[in-house]
């Protein structure tokens, strides 16, 4: 079933997917093959569409991308507005007893 979202961008992680893929020196095809070893089937063309923002990304795909690219899921996302602290900062730990 096609994933259709009204809007110009269908994901906010595509640029970071491209960044980490190139950092690892993987082609889009190689990334697709590495995802397949995790039983996550994303063809080369879909990798391209993820990177250019024209395709959505499922949670399992994002999990696989982070695993294959050797990074955290959080690293794909921009910081939240007004959030200059890291998730494990001491002020947040104080809020959670």
N, C-alpha and C. Protein backbone atom coordinates (compact mmCIF):
# COMPACT_ATOMS: atom_id res chain seq x y z
N UNK A 1 0.85 -1.17 0.00
CA UNK A 1 0.00 0.00 0.00
C UNK A 1 0.90 1.24 0.00
N UNK A 2 0.65 2.19 -0.89
CA UNK A 2 1.48 3.39 -0.93
C UNK A 2 1.26 4.25 0.31
N UNK A 3 2.33 4.91 0.72
CA UNK A 3 2.24 5.82 1.85
C UNK A 3 2.11 7.22 1.29
N UNK A 4 0.93 7.82 1.44
CA UNK A 4 0.67 9.14 0.87
C UNK A 4 0.42 10.13 1.99
N UNK A 5 1.18 11.21 1.95
CA UNK A 5 1.01 12.29 2.91
C UNK A 5 0.93 13.58 2.11
N UNK A 6 -0.06 14.41 2.42
CA UNK A 6 -0.16 15.70 1.74
C UNK A 6 0.92 16.62 2.29
N UNK A 7 1.76 17.08 1.43
CA UNK A 7 2.82 17.99 1.85
C UNK A 7 4.04 17.84 0.96
N UNK A 8 4.94 18.79 1.13
CA UNK A 8 6.15 18.80 0.32
C UNK A 8 7.15 17.75 0.79
N UNK A 9 7.34 17.65 2.10
CA UNK A 9 8.28 16.71 2.68
C UNK A 9 7.51 15.59 3.37
N UNK A 10 7.94 14.35 3.14
CA UNK A 10 7.28 13.21 3.76
C UNK A 10 8.09 12.60 4.89
N UNK A 11 9.28 13.14 5.15
CA UNK A 11 10.06 12.74 6.30
C UNK A 11 11.02 13.86 6.66
N UNK A 12 11.55 13.80 7.89
CA UNK A 12 12.53 14.80 8.31
C UNK A 12 13.89 14.16 8.56
N UNK A 13 14.03 12.90 8.22
CA UNK A 13 15.29 12.18 8.49
C UNK A 13 16.13 11.93 7.25
N UNK A 14 15.59 12.20 6.08
CA UNK A 14 16.26 11.84 4.83
C UNK A 14 17.65 12.41 4.65
N UNK A 15 17.83 13.68 4.98
CA UNK A 15 19.15 14.28 4.82
C UNK A 15 20.18 13.61 5.71
N UNK A 16 19.78 13.25 6.92
CA UNK A 16 20.70 12.57 7.83
C UNK A 16 20.98 11.14 7.38
N UNK A 17 19.98 10.47 6.80
CA UNK A 17 20.21 9.14 6.23
C UNK A 17 21.30 9.24 5.18
N UNK A 18 21.20 10.22 4.29
CA UNK A 18 22.21 10.42 3.25
C UNK A 18 23.58 10.71 3.87
N UNK A 19 23.60 11.58 4.87
CA UNK A 19 24.85 11.95 5.54
C UNK A 19 25.55 10.70 6.12
N UNK A 20 24.82 9.92 6.89
CA UNK A 20 25.42 8.74 7.53
C UNK A 20 25.77 7.66 6.50
N UNK A 21 24.99 7.54 5.44
CA UNK A 21 25.30 6.57 4.38
C UNK A 21 26.62 6.94 3.71
N UNK A 22 26.76 8.20 3.37
CA UNK A 22 27.99 8.64 2.72
C UNK A 22 29.18 8.57 3.66
N UNK A 23 28.96 8.87 4.94
CA UNK A 23 30.03 8.77 5.94
C UNK A 23 30.57 7.34 6.00
N UNK A 24 29.68 6.36 5.87
CA UNK A 24 30.07 4.94 5.86
C UNK A 24 30.57 4.48 4.49
N UNK A 25 30.46 5.38 3.49
CA UNK A 25 30.87 5.08 2.12
C UNK A 25 30.06 3.92 1.52
N UNK A 26 28.76 3.90 1.84
CA UNK A 26 27.84 2.92 1.27
C UNK A 26 27.12 3.55 0.08
N UNK A 27 26.93 2.78 -0.96
CA UNK A 27 26.03 3.20 -2.03
C UNK A 27 24.60 2.97 -1.55
N UNK A 28 23.65 3.53 -2.26
CA UNK A 28 22.25 3.27 -1.91
C UNK A 28 21.94 1.79 -2.03
N UNK A 29 22.48 1.14 -3.04
CA UNK A 29 22.26 -0.29 -3.24
C UNK A 29 22.85 -1.09 -2.07
N UNK A 30 24.07 -0.72 -1.65
CA UNK A 30 24.69 -1.44 -0.54
C UNK A 30 23.89 -1.26 0.74
N UNK A 31 23.38 -0.06 0.98
CA UNK A 31 22.54 0.16 2.16
C UNK A 31 21.30 -0.71 2.09
N UNK A 32 20.69 -0.80 0.92
CA UNK A 32 19.52 -1.64 0.72
C UNK A 32 19.83 -3.10 1.05
N UNK A 33 20.97 -3.58 0.57
CA UNK A 33 21.37 -4.98 0.81
C UNK A 33 21.63 -5.22 2.30
N UNK A 34 22.27 -4.27 2.97
CA UNK A 34 22.55 -4.41 4.41
C UNK A 34 21.25 -4.41 5.23
N UNK A 35 20.28 -3.60 4.82
CA UNK A 35 18.98 -3.63 5.49
C UNK A 35 18.30 -4.98 5.30
N UNK A 36 18.47 -5.54 4.13
CA UNK A 36 17.85 -6.84 3.83
C UNK A 36 18.36 -7.93 4.77
N UNK A 37 19.61 -7.83 5.23
CA UNK A 37 20.14 -8.83 6.17
C UNK A 37 19.41 -8.78 7.51
N UNK A 38 18.71 -7.67 7.76
CA UNK A 38 17.89 -7.53 8.97
C UNK A 38 16.42 -7.80 8.69
N UNK A 39 16.13 -8.33 7.51
CA UNK A 39 14.76 -8.59 7.06
C UNK A 39 13.95 -7.30 6.94
N UNK A 40 14.64 -6.22 6.53
CA UNK A 40 13.99 -4.95 6.27
C UNK A 40 14.21 -4.68 4.79
N UNK A 41 13.13 -4.73 4.02
CA UNK A 41 13.23 -4.67 2.57
C UNK A 41 12.90 -3.28 2.05
N UNK A 42 13.96 -2.54 1.72
CA UNK A 42 13.85 -1.19 1.17
C UNK A 42 14.74 -1.18 -0.08
N UNK A 43 14.14 -1.06 -1.25
CA UNK A 43 14.93 -1.11 -2.49
C UNK A 43 15.77 0.17 -2.65
N UNK A 44 16.71 0.13 -3.56
CA UNK A 44 17.59 1.26 -3.80
C UNK A 44 16.80 2.52 -4.15
N UNK A 45 15.78 2.37 -4.97
CA UNK A 45 14.96 3.52 -5.33
C UNK A 45 14.25 4.13 -4.13
N UNK A 46 13.83 3.30 -3.21
CA UNK A 46 13.18 3.81 -2.00
C UNK A 46 14.18 4.53 -1.11
N UNK A 47 15.42 4.05 -1.06
CA UNK A 47 16.47 4.76 -0.31
C UNK A 47 16.61 6.17 -0.88
N UNK A 48 16.64 6.26 -2.21
CA UNK A 48 16.76 7.56 -2.87
C UNK A 48 15.59 8.47 -2.49
N UNK A 49 14.38 7.93 -2.49
CA UNK A 49 13.20 8.73 -2.16
C UNK A 49 13.17 9.10 -0.67
N UNK A 50 13.68 8.23 0.18
CA UNK A 50 13.80 8.59 1.61
C UNK A 50 14.75 9.77 1.74
N UNK A 51 15.89 9.68 1.07
CA UNK A 51 16.90 10.73 1.17
C UNK A 51 16.42 12.07 0.62
N UNK A 52 15.60 12.05 -0.41
CA UNK A 52 15.13 13.33 -0.95
C UNK A 52 13.82 13.79 -0.30
N UNK A 53 13.34 13.03 0.68
CA UNK A 53 12.17 13.44 1.45
C UNK A 53 10.84 13.13 0.82
N UNK A 54 10.83 12.41 -0.30
CA UNK A 54 9.56 12.15 -0.98
C UNK A 54 8.90 10.84 -0.54
N UNK A 55 9.52 10.11 0.38
CA UNK A 55 8.95 8.86 0.88
C UNK A 55 8.99 8.86 2.40
N UNK A 56 7.94 8.33 3.01
CA UNK A 56 7.91 8.21 4.45
C UNK A 56 8.85 7.08 4.89
N UNK A 57 9.14 7.06 6.19
CA UNK A 57 10.00 6.04 6.77
C UNK A 57 9.24 5.42 7.94
N UNK A 58 9.13 4.09 7.94
CA UNK A 58 8.45 3.42 9.05
C UNK A 58 9.39 3.31 10.25
N UNK A 59 8.83 3.01 11.39
CA UNK A 59 9.66 2.88 12.59
C UNK A 59 10.66 1.73 12.45
N UNK A 60 10.25 0.62 11.87
CA UNK A 60 11.17 -0.52 11.72
C UNK A 60 12.28 -0.18 10.72
N UNK A 61 11.95 0.58 9.69
CA UNK A 61 12.97 1.02 8.74
C UNK A 61 13.97 1.94 9.43
N UNK A 62 13.48 2.86 10.24
CA UNK A 62 14.35 3.77 10.96
C UNK A 62 15.25 3.01 11.93
N UNK A 63 14.70 2.03 12.59
CA UNK A 63 15.48 1.19 13.50
C UNK A 63 16.60 0.48 12.72
N UNK A 64 16.25 -0.08 11.58
CA UNK A 64 17.24 -0.77 10.75
C UNK A 64 18.30 0.17 10.21
N UNK A 65 17.89 1.36 9.77
CA UNK A 65 18.84 2.34 9.27
C UNK A 65 19.85 2.72 10.35
N UNK A 66 19.36 2.96 11.56
CA UNK A 66 20.26 3.30 12.66
C UNK A 66 21.24 2.16 12.93
N UNK A 67 20.74 0.94 12.92
CA UNK A 67 21.58 -0.23 13.17
C UNK A 67 22.65 -0.39 12.10
N UNK A 68 22.24 -0.37 10.85
CA UNK A 68 23.16 -0.57 9.74
C UNK A 68 24.17 0.57 9.62
N UNK A 69 23.71 1.79 9.90
CA UNK A 69 24.59 2.95 9.75
C UNK A 69 25.39 3.25 11.02
N UNK A 70 25.17 2.46 12.07
CA UNK A 70 25.97 2.58 13.28
C UNK A 70 25.75 3.88 14.04
N UNK A 71 24.51 4.29 14.13
CA UNK A 71 24.19 5.53 14.84
C UNK A 71 22.91 5.33 15.64
N UNK A 72 22.56 6.32 16.42
CA UNK A 72 21.32 6.24 17.20
C UNK A 72 20.14 6.75 16.38
N UNK A 73 18.97 6.33 16.73
CA UNK A 73 17.76 6.83 16.07
C UNK A 73 17.66 8.35 16.26
N UNK A 74 18.01 8.83 17.44
CA UNK A 74 17.92 10.26 17.74
C UNK A 74 18.78 11.10 16.80
N UNK A 75 19.89 10.54 16.32
CA UNK A 75 20.81 11.31 15.48
C UNK A 75 20.20 11.67 14.12
N UNK A 76 19.10 11.04 13.74
CA UNK A 76 18.44 11.35 12.48
C UNK A 76 17.56 12.60 12.58
N UNK A 77 17.24 13.02 13.81
CA UNK A 77 16.29 14.11 14.01
C UNK A 77 16.97 15.40 14.43
N UNK A 78 16.42 16.54 14.01
CA UNK A 78 16.95 17.82 14.47
C UNK A 78 16.59 18.01 15.95
N UNK A 79 17.35 18.85 16.66
CA UNK A 79 16.99 19.11 18.06
C UNK A 79 15.62 19.78 18.15
N UNK A 80 14.92 19.52 19.23
CA UNK A 80 13.63 20.17 19.46
C UNK A 80 13.84 21.66 19.69
N UNK A 81 12.88 22.46 19.28
CA UNK A 81 12.98 23.91 19.45
C UNK A 81 13.17 24.25 20.93
N UNK A 82 14.17 25.06 21.21
CA UNK A 82 14.43 25.48 22.59
C UNK A 82 15.10 24.43 23.44
N UNK A 83 15.47 23.30 22.86
CA UNK A 83 16.09 22.21 23.62
C UNK A 83 17.57 22.15 23.29
N UNK A 84 18.38 22.82 24.09
CA UNK A 84 19.81 22.82 23.86
C UNK A 84 20.52 21.78 24.71
N UNK A 85 19.76 21.08 25.55
CA UNK A 85 20.35 20.09 26.44
C UNK A 85 20.28 18.71 25.83
N UNK A 86 21.23 17.89 26.15
CA UNK A 86 21.20 16.50 25.68
C UNK A 86 20.19 15.73 26.51
N UNK A 87 19.69 14.60 25.99
CA UNK A 87 18.67 13.84 26.71
C UNK A 87 19.11 13.36 28.08
N UNK A 88 20.41 13.16 28.31
CA UNK A 88 20.84 12.69 29.61
C UNK A 88 21.53 13.79 30.42
N UNK A 89 21.06 15.02 30.27
CA UNK A 89 21.63 16.12 31.05
C UNK A 89 21.19 16.00 32.50
N UNK A 90 21.94 16.63 33.38
CA UNK A 90 21.67 16.49 34.80
C UNK A 90 20.33 17.11 35.21
N UNK A 91 19.89 18.18 34.53
CA UNK A 91 18.61 18.80 34.92
C UNK A 91 17.44 17.88 34.63
N UNK A 92 17.54 17.10 33.56
CA UNK A 92 16.46 16.15 33.25
C UNK A 92 16.45 15.02 34.27
N UNK A 93 17.60 14.59 34.70
CA UNK A 93 17.67 13.51 35.68
C UNK A 93 17.04 13.96 36.99
N UNK A 94 17.16 15.26 37.32
CA UNK A 94 16.57 15.77 38.55
C UNK A 94 15.04 15.74 38.48
N UNK A 95 14.49 15.92 37.28
CA UNK A 95 13.03 15.91 37.10
C UNK A 95 12.45 14.52 37.25
N UNK A 96 13.26 13.49 37.03
CA UNK A 96 12.79 12.11 37.11
C UNK A 96 13.40 11.44 38.32
N UNK A 97 12.66 11.37 39.45
CA UNK A 97 13.24 10.80 40.69
C UNK A 97 13.62 9.35 40.55
